[in-house]
Amino acid sequence: MNFPDYTYAIRDVSPTGQPLAPEEALPKYRNAIGFCVRDFLDITIKNWFGVSNNHKIKIWDKIKTRFQFSRNVPEDLVKAYTMKQCAVSFRNWRSEMNVKYAKTGMDPTTKYRITKGQWAVFLEQRNDPNFLARSEANSQLAKRNKYHHHLGTGGYQHQVPKWRQEEAAKKAVGLPVLSEQVGERSTNWIRARKPKETETGVSFEDPMFDEAMKSIFAVVGK
């Protein structure tokens, strides 16, 4: 994950502060967040609440070296959104280090800016009985979710605006629009699981997903 080497002008954001345009800047923005989290933060910090304000300022200042904001873009709103995404990225990074390195016995210090001492502390944290108990509880909760989405790191926030634009284009030429049939929330759930889409409707190859979608239509049709 590299920091962008080109400067982008962010000219539109969502009501939550998520950059929306230009589209080519969006994956670069996510990469910049991931890069900064790995570059500035100590992996032994247990969660985002333990990150100092000084480090948060450094991350934001670094991001602004490659992303500039139009006058109509409320920078404070974008900053708040960015800090939330940094929190998610930091949690995911620590989880990745646990799964790919701590559990396999591999050494990440040759690949990441992690010292031998930091890694030793991280391993101690991951072997703590309280952490192991929480990890097992979270694992059991995850197993209850049968219908995992396939959105990647951008999540719903990145995809929903694109889905609405695609639906507007379909509606303009007289094609059926899924959100008008089942509502936006159900549409987001369906599309997040990558259905097969045609001009006449959507379907899943996985019978479990297909049955769940049929249930949605049945409830809406009542």
Protein backbone atom coordinates (compact mmCIF):
# COMPACT_ATOMS: atom_id res chain seq x y z
CA MET A 1 0.00 0.00 0.00
CA ASN A 2 1.69 3.17 -1.25
CA PHE A 3 1.03 6.83 -0.62
CA PRO A 4 -0.24 8.65 -3.75
CA ASP A 5 2.41 10.43 -5.79
CA TYR A 6 -0.15 12.68 -7.49
CA THR A 7 -2.26 15.50 -6.04
CA TYR A 8 -6.06 15.22 -6.36
CA ALA A 9 -8.67 17.96 -6.04
CA ILE A 10 -11.69 16.68 -4.11
CA ARG A 11 -14.71 18.54 -5.46
CA ASP A 12 -17.64 16.66 -3.94
CA VAL A 13 -18.35 14.77 -0.72
CA SER A 14 -21.30 12.95 0.81
CA PRO A 15 -23.29 14.32 3.78
CA THR A 16 -20.99 12.26 6.02
CA GLY A 17 -17.81 13.76 4.52
CA GLN A 18 -16.85 10.85 2.28
CA PRO A 19 -15.09 12.03 -0.91
CA LEU A 20 -17.21 11.28 -3.99
CA ALA A 21 -15.47 13.02 -6.88
CA PRO A 22 -13.37 12.73 -8.87
CA GLU A 23 -13.88 8.97 -8.98
CA GLU A 24 -10.24 8.20 -9.74
CA ALA A 25 -9.26 9.79 -6.43
CA LEU A 26 -11.43 7.55 -4.27
CA PRO A 27 -9.23 4.39 -4.17
CA LYS A 28 -6.19 6.63 -3.75
CA TYR A 29 -7.83 8.27 -0.74
CA ARG A 30 -8.46 4.90 0.89
CA ASN A 31 -4.87 3.84 0.18
CA ALA A 32 -3.59 7.07 1.70
CA ILE A 33 -5.51 6.36 4.90
CA GLY A 34 -4.10 2.84 5.11
CA PHE A 35 -0.58 4.05 4.42
CA CYS A 36 -0.72 6.76 7.09
CA VAL A 37 -2.09 4.38 9.71
CA ARG A 38 0.79 1.97 9.12
CA ASP A 39 3.40 4.69 8.81
CA PHE A 40 2.52 6.86 11.80
CA LEU A 41 1.01 4.53 14.40
CA ASP A 42 2.59 2.10 16.83
CA ILE A 43 1.05 -1.34 16.43
CA THR A 44 1.07 -1.83 20.22
CA ILE A 45 -1.61 0.87 20.64
CA LYS A 46 -4.63 -1.25 21.50
CA ASN A 47 -7.29 0.81 19.74
CA TRP A 48 -7.99 4.15 18.07
CA PHE A 49 -8.95 5.77 21.38
CA GLY A 50 -5.31 5.33 22.44
CA VAL A 51 -4.00 7.33 19.48
CA SER A 52 -2.79 10.78 20.50
CA ASN A 53 -4.19 13.97 19.00
CA ASN A 54 -0.68 14.77 17.81
CA HIS A 55 -0.60 11.63 15.67
CA LYS A 56 -4.09 12.33 14.31
CA ILE A 57 -2.96 15.82 13.27
CA LYS A 58 0.11 14.36 11.54
CA ILE A 59 -2.05 11.89 9.62
CA TRP A 60 -4.45 14.61 8.50
CA ASP A 61 -1.63 16.94 7.49
CA LYS A 62 -0.02 14.12 5.49
CA ILE A 63 -3.26 13.34 3.66
CA LYS A 64 -3.72 17.02 2.76
CA THR A 65 -0.36 16.98 0.95
CA ARG A 66 -2.03 14.89 -1.79
CA PHE A 67 -5.70 15.82 -1.47
CA GLN A 68 -6.93 19.37 -1.82
CA PHE A 69 -10.53 20.43 -1.23
CA SER A 70 -12.71 22.74 -3.32
CA ARG A 71 -14.26 25.77 -1.62
CA ASN A 72 -17.67 24.09 -1.50
CA VAL A 73 -16.24 21.09 0.39
CA PRO A 74 -16.48 21.40 4.21
CA GLU A 75 -12.98 20.33 5.26
CA ASP A 76 -13.93 19.72 8.91
CA LEU A 77 -16.57 17.23 7.77
CA VAL A 78 -14.06 15.41 5.57
CA LYS A 79 -11.57 15.34 8.43
CA ALA A 80 -14.14 13.76 10.77
CA TYR A 81 -14.95 11.13 8.15
CA THR A 82 -11.25 10.47 7.56
CA MET A 83 -10.53 9.96 11.23
CA LYS A 84 -13.36 7.41 11.45
CA GLN A 85 -11.89 5.55 8.49
CA CYS A 86 -8.45 5.68 10.09
CA ALA A 87 -9.95 3.99 13.15
CA VAL A 88 -11.36 1.22 10.95
CA SER A 89 -8.09 0.87 9.05
CA PHE A 90 -6.07 0.69 12.27
CA ARG A 91 -8.32 -2.02 13.68
CA ASN A 92 -8.10 -3.98 10.43
CA TRP A 93 -4.32 -3.64 10.32
CA ARG A 94 -3.89 -5.01 13.83
CA SER A 95 -6.25 -7.86 12.96
CA GLU A 96 -4.29 -8.59 9.77
CA MET A 97 -1.03 -8.67 11.71
CA ASN A 98 -2.58 -11.13 14.13
CA VAL A 99 -3.94 -13.49 11.46
CA LYS A 100 -1.07 -13.36 8.96
CA TYR A 101 1.88 -13.05 11.31
CA ALA A 102 1.17 -13.66 15.00
CA LYS A 103 -0.82 -16.86 14.40
CA THR A 104 1.61 -18.20 11.79
CA GLY A 105 4.84 -17.34 13.57
CA MET A 106 6.01 -15.08 10.74
CA ASP A 107 8.05 -11.93 11.37
CA PRO A 108 6.59 -8.68 9.93
CA THR A 109 9.46 -6.45 11.06
CA THR A 110 11.29 -6.81 7.74
CA LYS A 111 8.23 -5.65 5.77
CA TYR A 112 6.61 -3.03 8.00
CA ARG A 113 7.86 -0.21 10.18
CA ILE A 114 7.57 -2.40 13.27
CA THR A 115 10.50 -2.89 15.63
CA LYS A 116 11.37 -6.20 17.27
CA GLY A 117 10.37 -4.71 20.61
CA GLN A 118 6.98 -3.53 19.34
CA TRP A 119 6.29 -6.94 17.84
CA ALA A 120 7.15 -8.68 21.11
CA VAL A 121 4.66 -6.45 22.95
CA PHE A 122 2.02 -7.08 20.29
CA LEU A 123 2.45 -10.85 20.69
CA GLU A 124 2.04 -10.52 24.45
CA GLN A 125 -1.18 -8.55 23.93
CA ARG A 126 -2.57 -11.19 21.57
CA ASN A 127 -1.83 -13.99 24.02
CA ASP A 128 -3.50 -12.22 26.92
CA PRO A 129 -6.40 -14.35 28.27
CA ASN A 130 -8.83 -11.42 28.13
CA PHE A 131 -8.02 -10.77 24.47
CA LEU A 132 -8.36 -14.45 23.60
CA ALA A 133 -11.78 -14.58 25.28
CA ARG A 134 -13.01 -11.51 23.36
CA SER A 135 -11.62 -12.89 20.13
CA GLU A 136 -13.48 -16.16 20.56
CA ALA A 137 -16.72 -14.35 21.36
CA ASN A 138 -16.37 -12.18 18.23
CA SER A 139 -15.63 -15.26 16.15
CA GLN A 140 -18.82 -16.93 17.31
CA LEU A 141 -20.83 -13.81 16.44
CA ALA A 142 -19.31 -13.69 12.96
CA LYS A 143 -20.29 -17.32 12.32
CA ARG A 144 -23.94 -16.39 12.87
CA ASN A 145 -23.82 -14.09 9.84
CA LYS A 146 -24.51 -16.39 6.88
CA TYR A 147 -24.89 -13.64 4.32
CA HIS A 148 -21.49 -11.99 4.00
CA HIS A 149 -21.17 -9.10 1.55
CA HIS A 150 -18.42 -8.66 -1.04
CA LEU A 151 -17.73 -4.95 -0.95
CA GLY A 152 -14.11 -4.87 0.10
CA THR A 153 -12.54 -2.05 2.12
CA GLY A 154 -14.67 0.71 0.61
CA GLY A 155 -17.82 -0.78 2.09
CA TYR A 156 -21.32 0.48 1.46
CA GLN A 157 -20.29 4.13 1.61
CA HIS A 158 -18.24 3.80 -1.55
CA GLN A 159 -20.74 1.73 -3.52
CA VAL A 160 -24.14 3.24 -2.68
CA PRO A 161 -23.66 6.50 -4.64
CA LYS A 162 -22.58 4.47 -7.69
CA TRP A 163 -25.62 2.18 -7.35
CA ARG A 164 -27.97 5.15 -7.23
CA GLN A 165 -26.37 6.62 -10.34
CA GLU A 166 -26.72 3.31 -12.19
CA GLU A 167 -30.38 3.11 -11.20
CA ALA A 168 -31.01 6.65 -12.39
CA ALA A 169 -29.57 5.69 -15.77
CA LYS A 170 -31.81 2.59 -15.92
CA LYS A 171 -34.88 4.59 -14.99
CA ALA A 172 -34.12 7.16 -17.68
CA VAL A 173 -34.42 4.48 -20.38
CA GLY A 174 -37.48 2.82 -18.88
CA LEU A 175 -35.83 -0.20 -17.25
CA PRO A 176 -37.03 -1.53 -13.87
CA VAL A 177 -35.24 -0.10 -10.82
CA LEU A 178 -34.68 -2.43 -7.89
CA SER A 179 -34.86 0.25 -5.18
CA GLU A 180 -38.35 1.23 -6.34
CA GLN A 181 -39.43 -2.39 -5.86
CA VAL A 182 -37.92 -3.22 -2.47
CA GLY A 183 -36.56 0.08 -1.11
CA GLU A 184 -32.99 1.39 -0.91
CA ARG A 185 -31.94 -0.54 2.20
CA SER A 186 -32.95 -3.92 0.79
CA THR A 187 -31.46 -3.01 -2.57
CA ASN A 188 -28.14 -2.22 -0.93
CA TRP A 189 -28.20 -5.59 0.87
CA ILE A 190 -28.90 -7.45 -2.39
CA ARG A 191 -26.35 -5.63 -4.51
CA ALA A 192 -23.64 -5.96 -1.86
CA ARG A 193 -23.79 -9.72 -2.43
CA LYS A 194 -23.05 -9.47 -6.13
CA PRO A 195 -26.18 -10.83 -7.83
CA LYS A 196 -26.44 -11.58 -11.52
CA GLU A 197 -28.16 -8.55 -13.03
CA THR A 198 -30.10 -8.40 -16.29
CA GLU A 199 -32.51 -5.90 -17.81
CA THR A 200 -35.43 -7.80 -16.31
CA GLY A 201 -34.17 -8.42 -12.77
CA VAL A 202 -31.56 -9.95 -10.48
CA SER A 203 -30.74 -13.48 -9.29
CA PHE A 204 -28.10 -15.40 -7.37
CA GLU A 205 -26.32 -18.61 -8.25
CA ASP A 206 -26.07 -19.37 -4.54
CA PRO A 207 -29.46 -20.85 -3.50
CA MET A 208 -29.12 -19.44 0.01
CA PHE A 209 -28.79 -15.86 -1.27
CA ASP A 210 -31.50 -16.40 -3.87
CA GLU A 211 -33.92 -17.64 -1.21
CA ALA A 212 -33.13 -14.66 1.02
CA MET A 213 -33.81 -12.26 -1.86
CA LYS A 214 -37.11 -13.97 -2.66
CA SER A 215 -38.09 -13.52 0.99
CA ILE A 216 -37.38 -9.80 0.69
CA PHE A 217 -39.64 -9.51 -2.33
CA ALA A 218 -42.32 -11.54 -0.57
CA VAL A 219 -42.32 -9.25 2.46
CA VAL A 220 -42.41 -6.10 0.31
CA GLY A 221 -45.24 -7.52 -1.80
CA LYS A 222 -47.54 -8.03 1.17
